[in-house]
Amino acid sequence: MKVRVDAAACVGHGRCYELAPGVFGEDERGHCRVLLPDVPPEQQKPARAAEANCPERAIQIEA
């Protein structure tokens, strides 16, 4: 699966990199950045949890 973040929508709550630190990180402003655009199987469950918990719905996952 692939993951991307709408940088314009992200305001830096940090839930994504707390829930899926192997997939997401933070930039210098605390906003989400994608570390693994092609998510391996062992990281898919945390990536989906991050998507579900993003208040701005800034994370998009494609199967």
N, C-alpha and C. Protein backbone atom coordinates (compact mmCIF):
# COMPACT_ATOMS: atom_id res chain seq x y z
N MET A 1 0.83 -1.17 0.00
CA MET A 1 0.00 0.00 0.00
C MET A 1 0.88 1.24 0.00
N LYS A 2 0.30 2.33 -0.45
CA LYS A 2 1.02 3.60 -0.51
C LYS A 2 0.34 4.61 0.40
N VAL A 3 1.14 5.52 0.95
CA VAL A 3 0.61 6.53 1.85
C VAL A 3 1.16 7.89 1.45
N ARG A 4 0.32 8.90 1.61
CA ARG A 4 0.77 10.27 1.36
C ARG A 4 0.06 11.19 2.35
N VAL A 5 0.61 12.40 2.50
CA VAL A 5 0.07 13.37 3.43
C VAL A 5 -0.20 14.67 2.69
N ASP A 6 -1.35 15.23 2.92
CA ASP A 6 -1.69 16.55 2.40
C ASP A 6 -1.07 17.58 3.34
N ALA A 7 0.08 18.11 2.96
CA ALA A 7 0.83 19.04 3.81
C ALA A 7 0.03 20.29 4.14
N ALA A 8 -0.83 20.72 3.24
CA ALA A 8 -1.63 21.91 3.48
C ALA A 8 -2.68 21.67 4.56
N ALA A 9 -3.12 20.44 4.72
CA ALA A 9 -4.14 20.12 5.72
C ALA A 9 -3.55 19.82 7.10
N CYS A 10 -2.32 19.36 7.13
CA CYS A 10 -1.68 18.97 8.39
C CYS A 10 -1.37 20.20 9.24
N VAL A 11 -1.75 20.13 10.52
CA VAL A 11 -1.43 21.23 11.44
C VAL A 11 -0.49 20.78 12.56
N GLY A 12 -0.05 19.54 12.53
CA GLY A 12 0.99 19.09 13.45
C GLY A 12 0.53 18.53 14.78
N HIS A 13 -0.59 17.83 14.81
CA HIS A 13 -1.02 17.20 16.06
C HIS A 13 -0.05 16.10 16.50
N GLY A 14 0.59 15.45 15.54
CA GLY A 14 1.60 14.44 15.84
C GLY A 14 1.08 13.04 16.10
N ARG A 15 -0.19 12.83 15.94
CA ARG A 15 -0.74 11.50 16.18
C ARG A 15 -0.15 10.48 15.21
N CYS A 16 0.09 10.89 13.99
CA CYS A 16 0.60 9.98 12.97
C CYS A 16 1.96 9.40 13.36
N TYR A 17 2.89 10.26 13.73
CA TYR A 17 4.22 9.73 14.06
C TYR A 17 4.30 9.13 15.46
N GLU A 18 3.29 9.36 16.28
CA GLU A 18 3.20 8.65 17.56
C GLU A 18 2.67 7.23 17.34
N LEU A 19 1.68 7.09 16.46
CA LEU A 19 1.07 5.79 16.21
C LEU A 19 1.86 4.93 15.22
N ALA A 20 2.53 5.56 14.28
CA ALA A 20 3.26 4.82 13.25
C ALA A 20 4.63 5.48 13.01
N PRO A 21 5.53 5.41 14.00
CA PRO A 21 6.82 6.08 13.86
C PRO A 21 7.71 5.51 12.76
N GLY A 22 7.43 4.29 12.32
CA GLY A 22 8.20 3.72 11.23
C GLY A 22 7.77 4.23 9.86
N VAL A 23 6.58 4.83 9.79
CA VAL A 23 6.03 5.31 8.53
C VAL A 23 6.07 6.83 8.44
N PHE A 24 5.83 7.50 9.57
CA PHE A 24 5.75 8.96 9.59
C PHE A 24 6.79 9.55 10.53
N GLY A 25 7.23 10.74 10.20
CA GLY A 25 8.12 11.50 11.05
C GLY A 25 7.62 12.93 11.10
N GLU A 26 8.40 13.79 11.73
CA GLU A 26 8.00 15.19 11.82
C GLU A 26 9.03 16.08 11.15
N ASP A 27 8.54 17.16 10.57
CA ASP A 27 9.46 18.14 9.98
C ASP A 27 9.86 19.15 11.05
N GLU A 28 10.56 20.19 10.66
CA GLU A 28 11.06 21.17 11.62
C GLU A 28 9.95 21.96 12.32
N ARG A 29 8.74 21.93 11.77
CA ARG A 29 7.60 22.62 12.39
C ARG A 29 6.70 21.67 13.18
N GLY A 30 7.06 20.39 13.21
CA GLY A 30 6.24 19.40 13.90
C GLY A 30 5.13 18.82 13.06
N HIS A 31 5.13 19.14 11.76
CA HIS A 31 4.12 18.60 10.86
C HIS A 31 4.59 17.25 10.31
N CYS A 32 3.63 16.47 9.89
CA CYS A 32 3.89 15.12 9.40
C CYS A 32 4.69 15.12 8.10
N ARG A 33 5.61 14.17 8.03
CA ARG A 33 6.27 13.87 6.77
C ARG A 33 6.31 12.35 6.64
N VAL A 34 6.19 11.89 5.42
CA VAL A 34 6.17 10.45 5.15
C VAL A 34 7.59 9.94 5.06
N LEU A 35 7.90 8.91 5.85
CA LEU A 35 9.21 8.27 5.80
C LEU A 35 9.22 7.10 4.84
N LEU A 36 8.09 6.40 4.75
CA LEU A 36 7.95 5.22 3.88
C LEU A 36 6.72 5.35 3.00
N PRO A 37 6.85 5.94 1.81
CA PRO A 37 5.68 6.08 0.94
C PRO A 37 5.09 4.73 0.51
N ASP A 38 5.94 3.72 0.38
CA ASP A 38 5.49 2.35 0.09
C ASP A 38 5.55 1.57 1.40
N VAL A 39 4.40 1.40 2.03
CA VAL A 39 4.35 0.83 3.37
C VAL A 39 4.46 -0.69 3.31
N PRO A 40 5.46 -1.26 4.00
CA PRO A 40 5.60 -2.72 4.04
C PRO A 40 4.50 -3.34 4.89
N PRO A 41 4.23 -4.62 4.70
CA PRO A 41 3.13 -5.29 5.41
C PRO A 41 3.17 -5.11 6.94
N GLU A 42 4.32 -5.16 7.54
CA GLU A 42 4.40 -5.06 8.99
C GLU A 42 4.11 -3.66 9.53
N GLN A 43 4.07 -2.67 8.66
CA GLN A 43 3.78 -1.29 9.06
C GLN A 43 2.37 -0.84 8.65
N GLN A 44 1.61 -1.70 7.99
CA GLN A 44 0.31 -1.29 7.47
C GLN A 44 -0.72 -1.05 8.57
N LYS A 45 -0.75 -1.86 9.60
CA LYS A 45 -1.72 -1.66 10.68
C LYS A 45 -1.47 -0.33 11.40
N PRO A 46 -0.23 0.00 11.78
CA PRO A 46 0.01 1.31 12.40
C PRO A 46 -0.30 2.47 11.45
N ALA A 47 -0.01 2.31 10.16
CA ALA A 47 -0.29 3.38 9.20
C ALA A 47 -1.79 3.63 9.10
N ARG A 48 -2.58 2.57 9.12
CA ARG A 48 -4.04 2.72 9.08
C ARG A 48 -4.56 3.36 10.37
N ALA A 49 -3.96 3.04 11.49
CA ALA A 49 -4.35 3.67 12.76
C ALA A 49 -4.06 5.17 12.71
N ALA A 50 -2.93 5.53 12.14
CA ALA A 50 -2.58 6.95 12.01
C ALA A 50 -3.57 7.67 11.11
N GLU A 51 -3.94 7.04 10.00
CA GLU A 51 -4.93 7.63 9.09
C GLU A 51 -6.26 7.84 9.81
N ALA A 52 -6.70 6.85 10.56
CA ALA A 52 -7.99 6.93 11.25
C ALA A 52 -7.99 7.97 12.37
N ASN A 53 -6.83 8.28 12.92
CA ASN A 53 -6.74 9.20 14.04
C ASN A 53 -6.30 10.60 13.67
N CYS A 54 -6.13 10.89 12.40
CA CYS A 54 -5.73 12.23 11.97
C CYS A 54 -6.97 13.14 11.99
N PRO A 55 -6.98 14.16 12.87
CA PRO A 55 -8.15 15.03 12.97
C PRO A 55 -8.46 15.79 11.68
N GLU A 56 -7.45 16.09 10.89
CA GLU A 56 -7.65 16.85 9.65
C GLU A 56 -7.88 15.97 8.44
N ARG A 57 -7.76 14.63 8.64
CA ARG A 57 -7.86 13.68 7.52
C ARG A 57 -6.82 14.00 6.44
N ALA A 58 -5.62 14.34 6.89
CA ALA A 58 -4.54 14.73 5.98
C ALA A 58 -3.80 13.51 5.40
N ILE A 59 -4.03 12.33 5.96
CA ILE A 59 -3.34 11.12 5.51
C ILE A 59 -4.25 10.36 4.55
N GLN A 60 -3.69 10.01 3.40
CA GLN A 60 -4.42 9.19 2.43
C GLN A 60 -3.65 7.90 2.17
N ILE A 61 -4.37 6.79 2.22
CA ILE A 61 -3.78 5.48 1.96
C ILE A 61 -4.44 4.88 0.73
N GLU A 62 -3.59 4.37 -0.14
CA GLU A 62 -4.05 3.65 -1.34
C GLU A 62 -3.60 2.20 -1.21
N ALA A 63 -4.54 1.29 -1.37
CA ALA A 63 -4.21 -0.14 -1.25
C ALA A 63 -3.38 -0.63 -2.40
